PDB file of N, CA and C in Angstrom:
ATOM      1  N   MET A   1      -4.236 -25.772  11.439  1.00  0.00           N
ATOM      2  CA  MET A   1      -3.146 -25.070  10.853  1.00  0.00           C
ATOM      3  C   MET A   1      -3.538 -23.774  10.301  1.00  0.00           C
ATOM      4  N   THR A   2      -2.831 -22.706  10.691  1.00  0.00           N
ATOM      5  CA  THR A   2      -3.228 -21.333  10.156  1.00  0.00           C
ATOM      6  C   THR A   2      -2.745 -21.097   8.770  1.00  0.00           C
ATOM      7  N   LYS A   3      -3.525 -20.349   8.073  1.00  0.00           N
ATOM      8  CA  LYS A   3      -3.116 -20.006   6.652  1.00  0.00           C
ATOM      9  C   LYS A   3      -1.955 -18.998   6.620  1.00  0.00           C
ATOM     10  N   PRO A   4      -1.127 -19.164   5.683  1.00  0.00           N
ATOM     11  CA  PRO A   4       0.000 -18.139   5.498  1.00  0.00           C
ATOM     12  C   PRO A   4      -0.658 -16.825   5.130  1.00  0.00           C
ATOM     13  N   ARG A   5      -0.016 -15.666   5.501  1.00  0.00           N
ATOM     14  CA  ARG A   5      -0.580 -14.405   5.140  1.00  0.00           C
ATOM     15  C   ARG A   5       0.596 -13.417   4.804  1.00  0.00           C
ATOM     16  N   ILE A   6       0.268 -12.428   4.042  1.00  0.00           N
ATOM     17  CA  ILE A   6       1.178 -11.437   3.729  1.00  0.00           C
ATOM     18  C   ILE A   6       1.189 -10.381   4.829  1.00  0.00           C
ATOM     19  N   ARG A   7       2.279 -10.049   5.454  1.00  0.00           N
ATOM     20  CA  ARG A   7       2.292  -9.045   6.570  1.00  0.00           C
ATOM     21  C   ARG A   7       2.820  -7.585   6.097  1.00  0.00           C
ATOM     22  N   HIS A   8       3.699  -7.665   5.037  1.00  0.00           N
ATOM     23  CA  HIS A   8       4.278  -6.369   4.628  1.00  0.00           C
ATOM     24  C   HIS A   8       4.819  -6.560   3.190  1.00  0.00           C
ATOM     25  N   ILE A   9       4.559  -5.472   2.436  1.00  0.00           N
ATOM     26  CA  ILE A   9       5.106  -5.489   1.049  1.00  0.00           C
ATOM     27  C   ILE A   9       5.572  -4.025   0.857  1.00  0.00           C
ATOM     28  N   ALA A  10       6.768  -3.839   0.264  1.00  0.00           N
ATOM     29  CA  ALA A  10       7.333  -2.465  -0.062  1.00  0.00           C
ATOM     30  C   ALA A  10       7.534  -2.442  -1.499  1.00  0.00           C
ATOM     31  N   LEU A  11       6.875  -1.456  -2.207  1.00  0.00           N
ATOM     32  CA  LEU A  11       7.094  -1.361  -3.724  1.00  0.00           C
ATOM     33  C   LEU A  11       7.653   0.005  -3.985  1.00  0.00           C
ATOM     34  N   ASN A  12       8.693   0.025  -4.880  1.00  0.00           N
ATOM     35  CA  ASN A  12       9.245   1.181  -5.290  1.00  0.00           C
ATOM     36  C   ASN A  12       8.802   1.488  -6.799  1.00  0.00           C
ATOM     37  N   VAL A  13       7.920   2.417  -6.943  1.00  0.00           N
ATOM     38  CA  VAL A  13       7.338   2.666  -8.286  1.00  0.00           C
ATOM     39  C   VAL A  13       7.424   4.068  -8.654  1.00  0.00           C
ATOM     40  N   ARG A  14       7.246   4.432  -9.962  1.00  0.00           N
ATOM     41  CA  ARG A  14       7.322   5.800 -10.350  1.00  0.00           C
ATOM     42  C   ARG A  14       6.084   6.639 -10.062  1.00  0.00           C
ATOM     43  N   ASP A  15       4.931   6.008 -10.156  1.00  0.00           N
ATOM     44  CA  ASP A  15       3.644   6.624  -9.867  1.00  0.00           C
ATOM     45  C   ASP A  15       3.048   6.190  -8.583  1.00  0.00           C
ATOM     46  N   ARG A  16       3.460   6.692  -7.435  1.00  0.00           N
ATOM     47  CA  ARG A  16       3.005   6.325  -6.077  1.00  0.00           C
ATOM     48  C   ARG A  16       1.504   6.624  -6.055  1.00  0.00           C
ATOM     49  N   GLU A  17       1.137   7.757  -6.415  1.00  0.00           N
ATOM     50  CA  GLU A  17      -0.293   8.147  -6.278  1.00  0.00           C
ATOM     51  C   GLU A  17      -1.195   7.157  -7.071  1.00  0.00           C
ATOM     52  N   GLY A  18      -0.868   6.961  -8.223  1.00  0.00           N
ATOM     53  CA  GLY A  18      -1.578   6.038  -9.116  1.00  0.00           C
ATOM     54  C   GLY A  18      -1.711   4.711  -8.526  1.00  0.00           C
ATOM     55  N   LEU A  19      -0.544   4.055  -8.033  1.00  0.00           N
ATOM     56  CA  LEU A  19      -0.581   2.749  -7.572  1.00  0.00           C
ATOM     57  C   LEU A  19      -1.472   2.691  -6.220  1.00  0.00           C
ATOM     58  N   ALA A  20      -1.208   3.727  -5.345  1.00  0.00           N
ATOM     59  CA  ALA A  20      -1.914   3.748  -4.121  1.00  0.00           C
ATOM     60  C   ALA A  20      -3.452   3.912  -4.447  1.00  0.00           C
ATOM     61  N   ASP A  21      -3.907   4.664  -5.473  1.00  0.00           N
ATOM     62  CA  ASP A  21      -5.313   4.731  -5.733  1.00  0.00           C
ATOM     63  C   ASP A  21      -5.876   3.371  -6.179  1.00  0.00           C
ATOM     64  N   TYR A  22      -4.992   2.665  -7.000  1.00  0.00           N
ATOM     65  CA  TYR A  22      -5.339   1.346  -7.527  1.00  0.00           C
ATOM     66  C   TYR A  22      -5.636   0.371  -6.351  1.00  0.00           C
ATOM     67  N   TYR A  23      -4.677   0.306  -5.400  1.00  0.00           N
ATOM     68  CA  TYR A  23      -4.718  -0.670  -4.312  1.00  0.00           C
ATOM     69  C   TYR A  23      -5.918  -0.267  -3.345  1.00  0.00           C
ATOM     70  N   LYS A  24      -6.227   1.061  -3.247  1.00  0.00           N
ATOM     71  CA  LYS A  24      -7.379   1.437  -2.506  1.00  0.00           C
ATOM     72  C   LYS A  24      -8.684   1.077  -3.136  1.00  0.00           C
ATOM     73  N   LYS A  25      -8.755   1.195  -4.480  1.00  0.00           N
ATOM     74  CA  LYS A  25      -9.986   0.832  -5.109  1.00  0.00           C
ATOM     75  C   LYS A  25     -10.213  -0.640  -5.330  1.00  0.00           C
ATOM     76  N   ILE A  26      -9.093  -1.355  -5.743  1.00  0.00           N
ATOM     77  CA  ILE A  26      -9.262  -2.818  -6.031  1.00  0.00           C
ATOM     78  C   ILE A  26      -9.354  -3.735  -4.689  1.00  0.00           C
ATOM     79  N   PHE A  27      -8.423  -3.349  -3.751  1.00  0.00           N
ATOM     80  CA  PHE A  27      -8.253  -4.122  -2.629  1.00  0.00           C
ATOM     81  C   PHE A  27      -8.985  -3.611  -1.339  1.00  0.00           C
ATOM     82  N   GLY A  28      -9.516  -2.425  -1.454  1.00  0.00           N
ATOM     83  CA  GLY A  28     -10.187  -1.786  -0.348  1.00  0.00           C
ATOM     84  C   GLY A  28      -9.302  -1.304   0.704  1.00  0.00           C
ATOM     85  N   LEU A  29      -7.957  -1.020   0.409  1.00  0.00           N
ATOM     86  CA  LEU A  29      -7.031  -0.619   1.419  1.00  0.00           C
ATOM     87  C   LEU A  29      -7.293   0.863   1.804  1.00  0.00           C
ATOM     88  N   GLU A  30      -6.883   1.259   2.948  1.00  0.00           N
ATOM     89  CA  GLU A  30      -7.011   2.611   3.417  1.00  0.00           C
ATOM     90  C   GLU A  30      -5.664   3.248   3.578  1.00  0.00           C
ATOM     91  N   GLU A  31      -5.520   4.563   3.257  1.00  0.00           N
ATOM     92  CA  GLU A  31      -4.241   5.263   3.458  1.00  0.00           C
ATOM     93  C   GLU A  31      -4.073   5.585   5.006  1.00  0.00           C
ATOM     94  N   LYS A  32      -2.929   5.159   5.532  1.00  0.00           N
ATOM     95  CA  LYS A  32      -2.731   5.389   6.953  1.00  0.00           C
ATOM     96  C   LYS A  32      -1.757   6.454   7.251  1.00  0.00           C
ATOM     97  N   TYR A  33      -0.817   6.655   6.343  1.00  0.00           N
ATOM     98  CA  TYR A  33       0.289   7.651   6.629  1.00  0.00           C
ATOM     99  C   TYR A  33       1.025   8.033   5.376  1.00  0.00           C
ATOM    100  N   ARG A  34       1.492   9.214   5.245  1.00  0.00           N
ATOM    101  CA  ARG A  34       2.394   9.669   4.239  1.00  0.00           C
ATOM    102  C   ARG A  34       3.652  10.191   4.825  1.00  0.00           C
ATOM    103  N   GLY A  35       4.785   9.580   4.339  1.00  0.00           N
ATOM    104  CA  GLY A  35       6.095   9.941   4.895  1.00  0.00           C
ATOM    105  C   GLY A  35       6.572  11.254   4.277  1.00  0.00           C
ATOM    106  N   PRO A  36       7.557  11.931   4.864  1.00  0.00           N
ATOM    107  CA  PRO A  36       8.106  13.136   4.349  1.00  0.00           C
ATOM    108  C   PRO A  36       8.801  12.967   3.004  1.00  0.00           C
ATOM    109  N   ASN A  37       9.189  11.740   2.639  1.00  0.00           N
ATOM    110  CA  ASN A  37       9.857  11.550   1.427  1.00  0.00           C
ATOM    111  C   ASN A  37       8.870  11.062   0.277  1.00  0.00           C
ATOM    112  N   GLY A  38       7.528  11.065   0.559  1.00  0.00           N
ATOM    113  CA  GLY A  38       6.486  10.731  -0.414  1.00  0.00           C
ATOM    114  C   GLY A  38       6.024   9.366  -0.342  1.00  0.00           C
ATOM    115  N   THR A  39       6.561   8.540   0.680  1.00  0.00           N
ATOM    116  CA  THR A  39       6.090   7.187   0.851  1.00  0.00           C
ATOM    117  C   THR A  39       4.688   7.230   1.365  1.00  0.00           C
ATOM    118  N   ILE A  40       3.810   6.239   0.828  1.00  0.00           N
ATOM    119  CA  ILE A  40       2.467   6.207   1.110  1.00  0.00           C
ATOM    120  C   ILE A  40       2.264   4.787   1.813  1.00  0.00           C
ATOM    121  N   TYR A  41       1.700   4.810   2.981  1.00  0.00           N
ATOM    122  CA  TYR A  41       1.454   3.590   3.860  1.00  0.00           C
ATOM    123  C   TYR A  41      -0.036   3.282   3.678  1.00  0.00           C
ATOM    124  N   LEU A  42      -0.343   2.047   3.240  1.00  0.00           N
ATOM    125  CA  LEU A  42      -1.722   1.603   3.117  1.00  0.00           C
ATOM    126  C   LEU A  42      -1.872   0.368   4.053  1.00  0.00           C
ATOM    127  N   SER A  43      -3.146   0.173   4.464  1.00  0.00           N
ATOM    128  CA  SER A  43      -3.468  -1.019   5.354  1.00  0.00           C
ATOM    129  C   SER A  43      -4.792  -1.460   5.060  1.00  0.00           C
TER     130      SER A  43
END
């Protein structure tokens, strides 16, 4: 039986930069793309 996993999460926050930095530091995520509206995609 395969383990369940998270495939996608979308968060709407005031401090996108701060939260992106946190996820990069704590979870080792990498920034993949920045949208024209300020959206930051991490993977």
